[in-house]
């Protein structure tokens, strides 16, 4: 079953990553490339829970796709200068409407070290559990 009983502790584990900025010829700007710790690698493919906030960016909203941040919107990766390890893409099983409340999401984790067009952390088959 799920690795984590506490979504906040899972964010602590996901923060154990080194970020290297590299120039991407295709995108023509510097991109963050992660090197994941062994602790993070062990979570790849496992069902985990994360507590956080939906990011209300219009271009990211969807009924089965959203971005979850460990921090409120004003402090998140997109607006407040937090690191890329504080957000995850979420592909949900069902349709969910945007909420400003803190939620708990459970899904299967995929770690992404290669595709700069996606976030480092992606949850598949996710559902909001709280």
N, C-alpha and C. Protein backbone atom coordinates (compact mmCIF):
# COMPACT_ATOMS: atom_id res chain seq x y z
N UNK A 1 0.85 -1.19 0.00
CA UNK A 1 0.00 0.00 0.00
C UNK A 1 0.88 1.24 0.00
N UNK A 2 0.40 2.30 0.56
CA UNK A 2 1.09 3.60 0.51
C UNK A 2 2.31 3.63 1.41
N UNK A 3 3.32 4.32 0.97
CA UNK A 3 4.55 4.50 1.73
C UNK A 3 4.32 5.40 2.93
N UNK A 4 3.61 6.50 2.72
CA UNK A 4 3.52 7.52 3.75
C UNK A 4 2.17 7.56 4.41
N UNK A 5 2.20 7.71 5.72
CA UNK A 5 0.97 7.95 6.46
C UNK A 5 0.79 9.44 6.66
N UNK A 6 1.81 10.22 6.33
CA UNK A 6 1.78 11.66 6.59
C UNK A 6 2.37 12.39 5.39
N UNK A 7 1.52 13.09 4.65
CA UNK A 7 1.95 13.77 3.44
C UNK A 7 3.02 14.82 3.65
N UNK A 8 3.09 15.39 4.85
CA UNK A 8 4.14 16.38 5.12
C UNK A 8 5.50 15.70 5.20
N UNK A 9 5.57 14.53 5.80
CA UNK A 9 6.84 13.80 5.87
C UNK A 9 7.32 13.40 4.48
N UNK A 10 6.38 13.11 3.59
CA UNK A 10 6.76 12.74 2.23
C UNK A 10 7.43 13.92 1.53
N UNK A 11 6.91 15.14 1.71
CA UNK A 11 7.56 16.32 1.12
C UNK A 11 8.98 16.45 1.66
N UNK A 12 9.19 16.15 2.95
CA UNK A 12 10.54 16.21 3.52
C UNK A 12 11.47 15.24 2.79
N UNK A 13 10.98 14.05 2.51
CA UNK A 13 11.78 13.07 1.78
C UNK A 13 12.05 13.57 0.35
N UNK A 14 11.02 14.10 -0.31
CA UNK A 14 11.19 14.58 -1.69
C UNK A 14 12.14 15.76 -1.78
N UNK A 15 12.38 16.44 -0.68
CA UNK A 15 13.32 17.57 -0.70
C UNK A 15 14.77 17.12 -0.74
N UNK A 16 15.01 15.82 -0.60
CA UNK A 16 16.37 15.28 -0.61
C UNK A 16 16.82 15.04 -2.05
N UNK A 17 17.10 16.15 -2.71
CA UNK A 17 17.47 16.13 -4.13
C UNK A 17 18.46 17.27 -4.36
N UNK A 18 19.42 17.04 -5.22
CA UNK A 18 20.36 18.09 -5.63
C UNK A 18 19.90 18.62 -6.98
N UNK A 19 19.92 19.94 -7.12
CA UNK A 19 19.49 20.56 -8.37
C UNK A 19 20.70 21.17 -9.07
N UNK A 20 20.86 20.82 -10.34
CA UNK A 20 21.93 21.39 -11.16
C UNK A 20 21.29 22.15 -12.31
N UNK A 21 21.70 23.37 -12.50
CA UNK A 21 21.20 24.16 -13.63
C UNK A 21 22.08 23.88 -14.84
N UNK A 22 21.41 23.53 -15.95
CA UNK A 22 22.13 23.28 -17.20
C UNK A 22 21.42 24.03 -18.32
N UNK A 23 22.21 24.54 -19.24
CA UNK A 23 21.63 25.24 -20.39
C UNK A 23 21.04 24.21 -21.33
N UNK A 24 19.79 24.40 -21.71
CA UNK A 24 19.12 23.50 -22.64
C UNK A 24 19.10 24.17 -24.01
N UNK A 25 19.76 23.54 -24.98
CA UNK A 25 19.87 24.09 -26.34
C UNK A 25 18.50 24.23 -27.01
N UNK A 26 17.63 23.27 -26.79
CA UNK A 26 16.31 23.29 -27.42
C UNK A 26 15.45 24.42 -26.87
N UNK A 27 15.44 24.56 -25.54
CA UNK A 27 14.61 25.58 -24.91
C UNK A 27 15.29 26.95 -24.90
N UNK A 28 16.61 26.95 -25.04
CA UNK A 28 17.41 28.18 -25.08
C UNK A 28 17.41 28.94 -23.74
N UNK A 29 17.38 28.18 -22.63
CA UNK A 29 17.56 28.77 -21.31
C UNK A 29 17.98 27.69 -20.32
N UNK A 30 18.40 28.12 -19.11
CA UNK A 30 18.83 27.18 -18.10
C UNK A 30 17.65 26.42 -17.53
N UNK A 31 17.87 25.13 -17.29
CA UNK A 31 16.83 24.24 -16.80
C UNK A 31 17.37 23.54 -15.55
N UNK A 32 16.47 23.30 -14.57
CA UNK A 32 16.84 22.55 -13.38
C UNK A 32 16.84 21.06 -13.68
N UNK A 33 17.96 20.39 -13.42
CA UNK A 33 18.04 18.94 -13.56
C UNK A 33 18.32 18.35 -12.19
N UNK A 34 17.46 17.43 -11.74
CA UNK A 34 17.61 16.87 -10.41
C UNK A 34 18.50 15.63 -10.38
N UNK A 35 19.18 15.46 -9.26
CA UNK A 35 19.84 14.20 -8.92
C UNK A 35 19.18 13.75 -7.63
N UNK A 36 18.41 12.68 -7.70
CA UNK A 36 17.61 12.23 -6.58
C UNK A 36 18.43 11.41 -5.58
N UNK A 37 18.14 11.59 -4.30
CA UNK A 37 18.77 10.78 -3.25
C UNK A 37 18.23 9.36 -3.35
N UNK A 38 18.91 8.43 -2.69
CA UNK A 38 18.44 7.04 -2.68
C UNK A 38 17.06 6.93 -2.04
N UNK A 39 16.81 7.77 -1.00
CA UNK A 39 15.49 7.78 -0.35
C UNK A 39 14.38 8.12 -1.34
N UNK A 40 14.64 9.12 -2.18
CA UNK A 40 13.64 9.53 -3.18
C UNK A 40 13.49 8.43 -4.23
N UNK A 41 14.59 7.88 -4.69
CA UNK A 41 14.54 6.83 -5.71
C UNK A 41 13.71 5.63 -5.25
N UNK A 42 13.76 5.33 -3.95
CA UNK A 42 12.98 4.20 -3.41
C UNK A 42 11.48 4.44 -3.51
N UNK A 43 11.07 5.71 -3.60
CA UNK A 43 9.64 6.03 -3.70
C UNK A 43 9.11 5.93 -5.13
N UNK A 44 10.01 5.91 -6.11
CA UNK A 44 9.59 5.87 -7.51
C UNK A 44 8.73 4.64 -7.76
N UNK A 45 7.53 4.86 -8.31
CA UNK A 45 6.62 3.76 -8.60
C UNK A 45 5.75 3.35 -7.43
N UNK A 46 5.95 3.96 -6.27
CA UNK A 46 5.18 3.62 -5.07
C UNK A 46 4.00 4.58 -4.92
N UNK A 47 2.98 4.13 -4.21
CA UNK A 47 1.86 4.98 -3.88
C UNK A 47 2.23 5.80 -2.65
N UNK A 48 2.07 7.11 -2.77
CA UNK A 48 2.41 8.01 -1.67
C UNK A 48 1.26 8.99 -1.44
N UNK A 49 1.32 9.70 -0.31
CA UNK A 49 0.39 10.77 -0.02
C UNK A 49 1.16 12.06 0.14
N UNK A 50 0.59 13.15 -0.38
CA UNK A 50 1.16 14.48 -0.25
C UNK A 50 0.07 15.44 0.20
N UNK A 51 0.39 16.28 1.19
CA UNK A 51 -0.52 17.35 1.61
C UNK A 51 -0.07 18.62 0.92
N UNK A 52 -1.02 19.42 0.45
CA UNK A 52 -0.63 20.66 -0.19
C UNK A 52 -1.79 21.42 -0.75
N UNK A 53 -1.46 22.37 -1.60
CA UNK A 53 -2.43 23.27 -2.20
C UNK A 53 -2.41 23.15 -3.72
N UNK A 54 -3.60 23.19 -4.33
CA UNK A 54 -3.68 23.24 -5.78
C UNK A 54 -3.16 24.60 -6.23
N UNK A 55 -2.43 24.61 -7.33
CA UNK A 55 -1.93 25.86 -7.89
C UNK A 55 -2.98 26.40 -8.86
N UNK A 56 -3.48 27.62 -8.61
CA UNK A 56 -4.57 28.15 -9.44
C UNK A 56 -4.09 28.89 -10.68
N UNK A 57 -3.19 28.30 -11.44
CA UNK A 57 -2.74 28.90 -12.69
C UNK A 57 -3.69 28.43 -13.78
N UNK A 58 -4.30 29.39 -14.48
CA UNK A 58 -5.33 29.06 -15.46
C UNK A 58 -4.87 28.01 -16.47
N UNK A 59 -3.64 28.18 -16.97
CA UNK A 59 -3.17 27.26 -18.00
C UNK A 59 -2.91 25.86 -17.46
N UNK A 60 -2.86 25.70 -16.13
CA UNK A 60 -2.61 24.39 -15.54
C UNK A 60 -3.89 23.72 -15.05
N UNK A 61 -4.97 24.47 -14.98
CA UNK A 61 -6.20 23.89 -14.44
C UNK A 61 -6.80 22.90 -15.41
N UNK A 62 -7.36 21.88 -14.85
CA UNK A 62 -8.07 20.88 -15.63
C UNK A 62 -8.87 20.05 -14.66
N UNK A 63 -9.74 19.23 -15.17
CA UNK A 63 -10.56 18.42 -14.28
C UNK A 63 -9.83 17.19 -13.78
N UNK A 64 -8.84 16.71 -14.53
CA UNK A 64 -8.10 15.53 -14.09
C UNK A 64 -6.59 15.80 -14.01
N UNK A 65 -6.21 17.07 -14.11
CA UNK A 65 -4.80 17.46 -14.02
C UNK A 65 -4.69 18.75 -13.22
N UNK A 66 -3.75 18.77 -12.28
CA UNK A 66 -3.43 20.00 -11.58
C UNK A 66 -2.03 19.87 -10.99
N UNK A 67 -1.52 20.98 -10.48
CA UNK A 67 -0.23 20.97 -9.81
C UNK A 67 -0.48 21.15 -8.32
N UNK A 68 0.18 20.33 -7.51
CA UNK A 68 0.07 20.41 -6.07
C UNK A 68 1.37 21.00 -5.53
N UNK A 69 1.25 21.95 -4.60
CA UNK A 69 2.41 22.58 -3.97
C UNK A 69 2.42 22.27 -2.49
N UNK A 70 3.60 22.05 -1.94
CA UNK A 70 3.72 21.85 -0.50
C UNK A 70 3.51 23.17 0.25
N UNK A 71 3.56 24.28 -0.48
CA UNK A 71 3.43 25.62 0.10
C UNK A 71 2.21 26.33 -0.49
N UNK A 72 1.62 27.27 0.27
CA UNK A 72 0.52 28.06 -0.30
C UNK A 72 0.98 28.81 -1.54
N UNK A 73 0.03 29.21 -2.37
CA UNK A 73 0.30 29.81 -3.67
C UNK A 73 1.31 30.96 -3.61
N UNK A 74 1.18 31.86 -2.65
CA UNK A 74 2.06 33.03 -2.57
C UNK A 74 3.52 32.65 -2.33
N UNK A 75 3.76 31.45 -1.81
CA UNK A 75 5.11 30.99 -1.51
C UNK A 75 5.58 29.87 -2.42
N UNK A 76 4.77 29.46 -3.38
CA UNK A 76 5.08 28.26 -4.15
C UNK A 76 6.19 28.50 -5.18
N UNK A 77 6.60 27.45 -5.82
CA UNK A 77 7.65 27.44 -6.82
C UNK A 77 7.39 28.46 -7.93
N UNK A 78 6.14 28.59 -8.36
CA UNK A 78 5.82 29.45 -9.48
C UNK A 78 5.80 30.93 -9.11
N UNK A 79 5.52 31.26 -7.85
CA UNK A 79 5.35 32.66 -7.46
C UNK A 79 6.30 33.13 -6.37
N UNK A 80 6.66 32.26 -5.47
CA UNK A 80 7.38 32.70 -4.29
C UNK A 80 8.84 32.33 -4.22
N UNK A 81 9.37 31.70 -5.24
CA UNK A 81 10.79 31.39 -5.25
C UNK A 81 11.16 30.10 -4.54
N UNK A 82 10.20 29.24 -4.21
CA UNK A 82 10.53 27.94 -3.63
C UNK A 82 11.18 27.07 -4.70
N UNK A 83 11.77 25.98 -4.30
CA UNK A 83 12.45 25.10 -5.24
C UNK A 83 11.51 24.16 -5.98
N UNK A 84 11.99 23.57 -7.07
CA UNK A 84 11.16 22.68 -7.88
C UNK A 84 10.77 21.39 -7.15
N UNK A 85 11.43 21.09 -6.05
CA UNK A 85 11.10 19.89 -5.27
C UNK A 85 9.84 20.08 -4.42
N UNK A 86 9.25 21.27 -4.45
CA UNK A 86 8.07 21.57 -3.63
C UNK A 86 6.75 21.46 -4.40
N UNK A 87 6.81 21.01 -5.65
CA UNK A 87 5.60 20.89 -6.47
C UNK A 87 5.57 19.53 -7.18
N UNK A 88 4.35 19.08 -7.47
CA UNK A 88 4.16 17.82 -8.19
C UNK A 88 3.01 17.96 -9.16
N UNK A 89 3.18 17.38 -10.34
CA UNK A 89 2.06 17.29 -11.29
C UNK A 89 1.16 16.16 -10.81
N UNK A 90 -0.15 16.37 -10.92
CA UNK A 90 -1.11 15.37 -10.47
C UNK A 90 -2.05 15.02 -11.62
N UNK A 91 -2.08 13.75 -11.98
CA UNK A 91 -3.02 13.21 -12.94
C UNK A 91 -3.99 12.35 -12.15
N UNK A 92 -5.22 12.82 -12.01
CA UNK A 92 -6.17 12.16 -11.12
C UNK A 92 -7.06 11.15 -11.83
N UNK A 93 -7.57 10.20 -11.03
CA UNK A 93 -8.52 9.21 -11.53
C UNK A 93 -9.85 9.86 -11.87
N UNK A 94 -10.27 10.80 -11.02
CA UNK A 94 -11.56 11.45 -11.19
C UNK A 94 -11.40 12.92 -11.49
N UNK A 95 -12.53 13.60 -11.64
CA UNK A 95 -12.53 15.03 -11.92
C UNK A 95 -12.62 15.79 -10.60
N UNK A 96 -11.77 16.81 -10.46
CA UNK A 96 -11.77 17.63 -9.26
C UNK A 96 -11.79 19.10 -9.66
N UNK A 97 -12.56 19.86 -8.92
CA UNK A 97 -12.59 21.31 -9.12
C UNK A 97 -11.55 21.95 -8.23
N UNK A 98 -11.06 23.11 -8.65
CA UNK A 98 -10.07 23.85 -7.89
C UNK A 98 -10.61 24.19 -6.50
N UNK A 99 -9.74 24.09 -5.50
CA UNK A 99 -10.07 24.50 -4.14
C UNK A 99 -8.89 25.27 -3.56
N UNK A 100 -9.18 26.22 -2.71
CA UNK A 100 -8.13 26.97 -2.01
C UNK A 100 -7.74 26.29 -0.70
N UNK A 101 -8.46 25.23 -0.33
CA UNK A 101 -8.19 24.52 0.92
C UNK A 101 -6.99 23.59 0.73
N UNK A 102 -6.31 23.32 1.82
CA UNK A 102 -5.22 22.35 1.82
C UNK A 102 -5.84 20.96 1.68
N UNK A 103 -5.25 20.15 0.81
CA UNK A 103 -5.79 18.82 0.53
C UNK A 103 -4.70 17.77 0.70
N UNK A 104 -5.13 16.52 0.77
CA UNK A 104 -4.21 15.38 0.76
C UNK A 104 -4.50 14.58 -0.50
N UNK A 105 -3.45 14.30 -1.24
CA UNK A 105 -3.57 13.57 -2.50
C UNK A 105 -2.77 12.28 -2.40
N UNK A 106 -3.37 11.18 -2.86
CA UNK A 106 -2.68 9.89 -2.88
C UNK A 106 -2.57 9.46 -4.33
N UNK A 107 -1.37 9.04 -4.73
CA UNK A 107 -1.16 8.57 -6.09
C UNK A 107 0.17 7.87 -6.24
N UNK A 108 0.39 7.30 -7.41
CA UNK A 108 1.63 6.57 -7.71
C UNK A 108 2.67 7.57 -8.20
N UNK A 109 3.82 7.63 -7.52
CA UNK A 109 4.87 8.60 -7.83
C UNK A 109 5.75 8.17 -8.99
N UNK A 110 5.97 9.11 -9.88
CA UNK A 110 6.98 8.97 -10.94
C UNK A 110 7.99 10.09 -10.72
N UNK A 111 9.27 9.74 -10.63
CA UNK A 111 10.29 10.79 -10.55
C UNK A 111 10.82 11.05 -11.96
N UNK A 112 11.04 12.32 -12.25
CA UNK A 112 11.42 12.74 -13.60
C UNK A 112 12.73 13.51 -13.54
N UNK A 113 13.78 12.93 -14.09
CA UNK A 113 15.08 13.59 -14.11
C UNK A 113 15.47 14.07 -15.50
N UNK A 114 14.71 13.71 -16.52
CA UNK A 114 15.15 13.95 -17.88
C UNK A 114 14.33 14.94 -18.71
N UNK A 115 13.03 15.03 -18.46
CA UNK A 115 12.17 15.84 -19.32
C UNK A 115 11.93 17.21 -18.69
N UNK A 116 12.61 18.25 -19.19
CA UNK A 116 12.47 19.59 -18.60
C UNK A 116 11.10 20.23 -18.83
N UNK A 117 10.27 19.60 -19.66
CA UNK A 117 8.93 20.14 -19.91
C UNK A 117 7.92 19.65 -18.86
N UNK A 118 8.37 18.76 -17.98
CA UNK A 118 7.52 18.24 -16.91
C UNK A 118 8.19 18.56 -15.57
N UNK A 119 7.40 18.50 -14.51
CA UNK A 119 7.95 18.70 -13.17
C UNK A 119 8.74 17.46 -12.75
N UNK A 120 9.55 17.61 -11.69
CA UNK A 120 10.37 16.50 -11.20
C UNK A 120 9.54 15.37 -10.61
N UNK A 121 8.39 15.74 -10.03
CA UNK A 121 7.53 14.75 -9.39
C UNK A 121 6.16 14.75 -10.06
N UNK A 122 5.70 13.53 -10.36
CA UNK A 122 4.41 13.36 -11.04
C UNK A 122 3.64 12.26 -10.31
N UNK A 123 2.40 12.55 -9.95
CA UNK A 123 1.53 11.55 -9.33
C UNK A 123 0.52 11.07 -10.37
N UNK A 124 0.42 9.76 -10.54
CA UNK A 124 -0.51 9.15 -11.48
C UNK A 124 -1.64 8.46 -10.72
N UNK A 125 -2.79 8.32 -11.38
CA UNK A 125 -3.95 7.64 -10.78
C UNK A 125 -4.25 8.19 -9.40
N UNK A 126 -4.16 9.49 -9.27
CA UNK A 126 -4.28 10.13 -7.96
C UNK A 126 -5.73 10.39 -7.58
N UNK A 127 -5.93 10.51 -6.28
CA UNK A 127 -7.24 10.88 -5.75
C UNK A 127 -7.05 11.76 -4.53
N UNK A 128 -7.99 12.67 -4.34
CA UNK A 128 -7.95 13.51 -3.15
C UNK A 128 -8.59 12.70 -2.03
N UNK A 129 -7.85 12.52 -0.94
CA UNK A 129 -8.32 11.67 0.16
C UNK A 129 -8.69 12.48 1.40
N UNK A 130 -8.39 13.78 1.39
CA UNK A 130 -8.71 14.63 2.55
C UNK A 130 -8.73 16.06 2.14
